[in-house]
Amino acid sequence: MQPVQLSLMPDLDPAPPTDLLGSLPSNDASEAITTLAGMIARAAKPLIAEAGDE
């Protein structure tokens, strides 16, 4: 077995975020954004209803 050095310090130079939307064709990107917006709206709907009860 090889010894391993563990560190709790975060990486000082994290990897840059990947450009997912740039890699999709424009139609697929639009569909992905629309789907994500719908999912967020459905998830927030109960929270909005609860806020109206106050």
Protein backbone atom coordinates (compact mmCIF):
# COMPACT_ATOMS: atom_id res chain seq x y z
CA MET A 1 0.00 0.00 0.00
CA GLN A 2 1.26 3.49 -0.86
CA PRO A 3 1.11 6.26 1.77
CA VAL A 4 -1.20 9.13 0.92
CA GLN A 5 -0.93 12.72 2.06
CA LEU A 6 -4.33 14.27 2.73
CA SER A 7 -4.91 17.99 2.93
CA LEU A 8 -7.91 19.95 4.15
CA MET A 9 -6.68 23.07 2.35
CA PRO A 10 -8.65 23.99 -0.77
CA ASP A 11 -6.93 24.05 -4.14
CA LEU A 12 -5.47 27.49 -4.70
CA ASP A 13 -5.94 27.21 -8.44
CA PRO A 14 -9.29 25.47 -9.06
CA ALA A 15 -10.11 24.21 -12.51
CA PRO A 16 -12.07 26.70 -14.63
CA PRO A 17 -15.77 25.92 -15.08
CA THR A 18 -16.63 24.09 -18.25
CA ASP A 19 -18.63 25.93 -20.88
CA LEU A 20 -21.53 23.52 -21.23
CA LEU A 21 -23.90 25.86 -23.03
CA GLY A 22 -21.23 26.81 -25.55
CA SER A 23 -20.71 23.18 -26.45
CA LEU A 24 -24.41 22.57 -27.21
CA PRO A 25 -26.11 23.47 -30.48
CA SER A 26 -28.30 26.56 -30.02
CA ASN A 27 -31.57 24.59 -30.26
CA ASP A 28 -30.40 22.15 -27.59
CA ALA A 29 -29.20 25.00 -25.36
CA SER A 30 -32.57 26.76 -25.64
CA GLU A 31 -34.40 23.55 -24.82
CA ALA A 32 -32.11 22.89 -21.84
CA ILE A 33 -32.67 26.40 -20.47
CA THR A 34 -36.44 26.13 -20.93
CA THR A 35 -36.51 22.74 -19.18
CA LEU A 36 -34.38 24.00 -16.30
CA ALA A 37 -36.56 27.11 -15.88
CA GLY A 38 -39.67 24.92 -15.75
CA MET A 39 -38.12 22.65 -13.13
CA ILE A 40 -37.14 25.65 -11.00
CA ALA A 41 -40.64 27.13 -11.31
CA ARG A 42 -42.28 23.85 -10.27
CA ALA A 43 -39.91 23.49 -7.32
CA ALA A 44 -40.58 27.08 -6.15
CA LYS A 45 -44.36 26.85 -6.48
CA PRO A 46 -44.95 25.35 -2.98
CA LEU A 47 -42.64 27.98 -1.46
CA ILE A 48 -44.57 30.79 -3.13
CA ALA A 49 -47.87 29.35 -1.83
CA GLU A 50 -46.46 29.16 1.71
CA ALA A 51 -45.29 32.77 1.53
CA GLY A 52 -48.80 33.88 0.58
CA ASP A 53 -50.23 32.30 3.75
CA GLU A 54 -48.38 34.70 6.03
